[in-house]
Protein backbone atom coordinates (compact mmCIF):
# COMPACT_ATOMS: atom_id res chain seq x y z
CA GLN A 1 20.19 -32.79 5.71
CA LEU A 2 18.40 -31.81 2.13
CA CYS A 3 18.35 -28.44 0.97
CA PRO A 4 15.27 -27.67 -0.54
CA GLY A 5 14.80 -27.27 -4.50
CA TYR A 6 16.10 -31.18 -4.81
CA PRO A 7 17.22 -31.09 -8.02
CA THR A 8 18.02 -28.37 -7.92
CA LEU A 9 19.38 -27.08 -4.71
CA CYS A 10 18.07 -24.24 -3.48
CA TYR A 11 15.92 -23.77 -6.41
CA GLY A 12 19.01 -21.99 -8.70
CA HIS A 13 19.51 -18.94 -6.23
CA GLY A 14 21.57 -19.98 -3.26
CA THR A 15 24.20 -22.65 -2.17
CA CYS A 16 22.98 -25.55 0.22
CA ASN A 17 24.88 -25.72 3.70
CA SER A 18 25.48 -29.77 2.84
CA GLY A 19 28.28 -32.05 4.28
CA PRO A 20 28.68 -33.53 7.67
CA VAL A 21 29.03 -30.19 9.05
CA GLY A 22 26.32 -28.83 6.99
CA ASP A 23 22.17 -28.39 8.53
CA GLY A 24 20.27 -28.88 5.22
CA THR A 25 19.43 -24.67 4.64
CA CYS A 26 20.87 -22.11 1.83
CA ASN A 27 22.36 -19.03 1.90
CA CYS A 28 21.08 -16.67 -1.01
CA THR A 29 21.98 -15.31 -3.68
CA ALA A 30 21.28 -10.90 -2.33
CA ASN A 31 22.28 -9.36 -5.29
CA SER A 32 21.95 -6.16 -8.37
CA ILE A 33 22.66 -9.30 -10.44
CA ASN A 34 21.24 -12.36 -9.12
CA GLY A 35 17.50 -10.72 -7.32
CA TYR A 36 17.71 -11.13 -3.74
CA TRP A 37 16.36 -14.54 -2.30
CA SER A 38 14.55 -15.58 0.84
CA SER A 39 16.63 -18.07 2.63
CA ALA A 40 13.32 -18.31 5.07
CA SER A 41 12.35 -19.76 1.64
CA GLY A 42 14.94 -21.92 0.18
CA CYS A 43 15.88 -19.34 -1.88
CA SER A 44 12.53 -19.89 -3.60
CA ASP A 45 10.81 -16.34 -3.39
CA CYS A 46 11.74 -13.27 -2.52
CA ASP A 47 13.40 -11.77 0.32
CA SER A 48 11.14 -8.66 1.55
CA THR A 49 11.97 -5.99 0.10
CA HIS A 50 11.84 -7.07 -3.46
CA TYR A 51 9.30 -8.45 -5.57
CA GLY A 52 8.74 -9.68 -9.24
CA SER A 53 10.03 -12.96 -11.03
CA SER A 54 13.66 -12.22 -10.34
CA CYS A 55 12.84 -10.48 -7.72
CA LEU A 56 15.24 -7.32 -8.53
CA LEU A 57 13.02 -5.51 -7.95
CA PRO A 58 12.45 -3.41 -5.19
CA CYS A 59 10.18 -1.88 -3.18
CA PRO A 60 9.43 1.07 -2.45
CA THR A 61 11.00 2.52 0.61
CA THR A 62 8.33 5.49 1.69
CA SER A 63 7.62 5.95 5.36
CA THR A 64 4.68 5.80 4.25
CA CYS A 65 4.76 1.94 2.78
CA LEU A 66 3.78 0.16 6.14
CA SER A 67 4.22 -3.02 3.77
CA CYS A 68 5.22 -4.39 0.41
CA ASN A 69 3.15 -6.50 -1.85
CA SER A 70 6.05 -9.09 -2.37
CA GLY A 71 7.26 -12.50 -3.74
CA VAL A 72 8.31 -13.21 -7.22
CA ASN A 73 4.12 -13.10 -7.24
CA GLY A 74 3.99 -9.66 -5.47
CA THR A 75 3.17 -6.48 -7.67
CA GLY A 76 4.98 -4.11 -5.39
CA ALA A 77 2.28 -2.88 -4.06
CA CYS A 78 2.23 -1.06 -0.91
CA THR A 79 -0.37 -0.66 2.39
CA CYS A 80 -0.54 3.23 2.94
CA SER A 81 -0.04 4.71 6.49
CA SER A 82 -2.72 6.16 6.60
CA GLY A 83 -3.50 9.55 4.52
CA TYR A 84 -1.71 8.32 1.84
CA VAL A 85 -2.44 6.63 -1.11
CA GLY A 86 -0.59 5.16 -4.57
CA THR A 87 1.09 2.66 -5.73
CA ARG A 88 4.04 3.64 -4.28
CA CYS A 89 1.78 5.60 -1.46
CA ASP A 90 3.93 9.44 -1.93
CA GLN A 91 0.34 10.92 -2.80
CA ALA A 92 -0.95 12.41 0.70
CA CYS A 93 -4.56 12.77 0.56
CA PRO A 94 -6.45 16.59 1.07
CA LEU A 95 -6.43 17.61 4.65
CA GLY A 96 -9.44 18.56 6.31
CA ALA A 97 -8.75 22.99 7.09
CA THR A 98 -12.46 23.27 8.59
CA SER A 99 -13.61 20.57 10.01
CA GLY A 100 -12.53 17.46 11.12
CA VAL A 101 -8.75 18.75 11.22
CA GLY A 102 -6.42 17.35 10.18
CA LEU A 103 -7.84 14.26 9.20
CA PRO A 104 -7.82 13.02 5.06
CA CYS A 105 -11.16 13.61 3.64
CA ALA A 106 -11.72 15.89 7.13
CA GLY A 107 -13.15 12.24 7.99
CA HIS A 108 -16.27 12.59 6.21
CA GLY A 109 -14.34 10.29 2.83
CA GLN A 110 -12.57 8.23 1.40
CA CYS A 111 -9.85 8.99 -0.55
CA ILE A 112 -9.09 7.49 -4.48
CA ALA A 113 -6.13 7.42 -6.10
CA SER A 114 -5.65 9.05 -9.04
CA SER A 115 -4.25 6.85 -12.39
CA THR A 116 -3.42 10.59 -14.35
CA THR A 117 -2.02 12.72 -12.03
CA ASN A 118 0.43 12.19 -8.88
CA THR A 119 -2.66 13.94 -6.67
CA PRO A 120 -5.65 11.99 -5.12
CA SER A 121 -9.66 13.29 -4.78
CA CYS A 122 -11.48 12.54 -1.70
CA GLU A 123 -14.90 11.31 -2.64
CA CYS A 124 -17.63 12.62 0.00
CA MET A 125 -19.83 10.92 2.05
CA GLY A 126 -23.93 11.70 2.72
CA ASN A 127 -24.40 15.11 3.08
CA TRP A 128 -19.64 16.30 3.15
CA ALA A 129 -18.82 18.24 0.06
CA GLY A 130 -15.96 20.10 -0.76
CA THR A 131 -12.01 19.19 -2.37
CA ALA A 132 -11.35 17.85 1.69
CA CYS A 133 -15.15 17.24 2.44
CA ASP A 134 -14.48 19.54 5.43
CA ASP A 135 -17.75 21.28 4.00
CA CYS A 136 -21.77 20.99 3.75
CA ALA A 137 -23.70 19.70 0.60
CA SER A 138 -25.15 22.18 -0.84
CA GLY A 139 -28.87 23.31 1.18
CA TYR A 140 -27.39 21.29 4.46
CA TRP A 141 -25.63 22.81 7.61
CA GLY A 142 -24.16 22.86 10.34
CA SER A 143 -21.73 20.50 12.78
CA ALA A 144 -22.61 17.27 10.85
CA CYS A 145 -24.10 18.55 8.26
CA SER A 146 -27.71 17.11 8.74
CA SER A 147 -29.70 20.64 8.96
CA THR A 148 -31.51 20.79 5.82
CA MET A 149 -32.93 24.29 4.61
CA PRO A 150 -35.73 25.82 5.49
CA GLY A 151 -37.61 24.65 1.94
CA MET A 152 -35.36 22.11 1.12
CA SER A 153 -36.70 17.74 2.16
CA SER A 154 -34.01 15.80 3.70
CA SER A 155 -34.87 13.38 0.44
CA THR A 156 -33.17 16.46 -1.64
CA SER A 157 -29.34 15.43 -2.91
CA SER A 158 -27.03 17.42 -4.74
């Protein structure tokens, strides 16, 4: 059986198990000089822990990075655990302290990664406000921040 990548066997990133006892698979290189290539792809793509055209860039290894956009066309960006954002999932979202205690943005907003600082912010939904979306917006009160102050209409926004 012929190894993948003909005429350049294993796409030039490994050796072919050929010959009478070979099985036509590739033994791909995995080092910091020639890249970290995947045998599953016949050495045409990076292993799951590297990215970039030469498969030399390591994916983040933080405990908050659930998976990495690996591969020769990958970006190295992570899919983050809940409560974390950023390319490396290293930016912790503000947690609710008075409402939605312990939840990112108190469960009342979306955590947005910062492009200039390492501190993300919350984009609050509805009548929620505050750094962690755990306070009511001006003019609202109650456990769901849905009651308006006397004299305000429900269509008033702040």
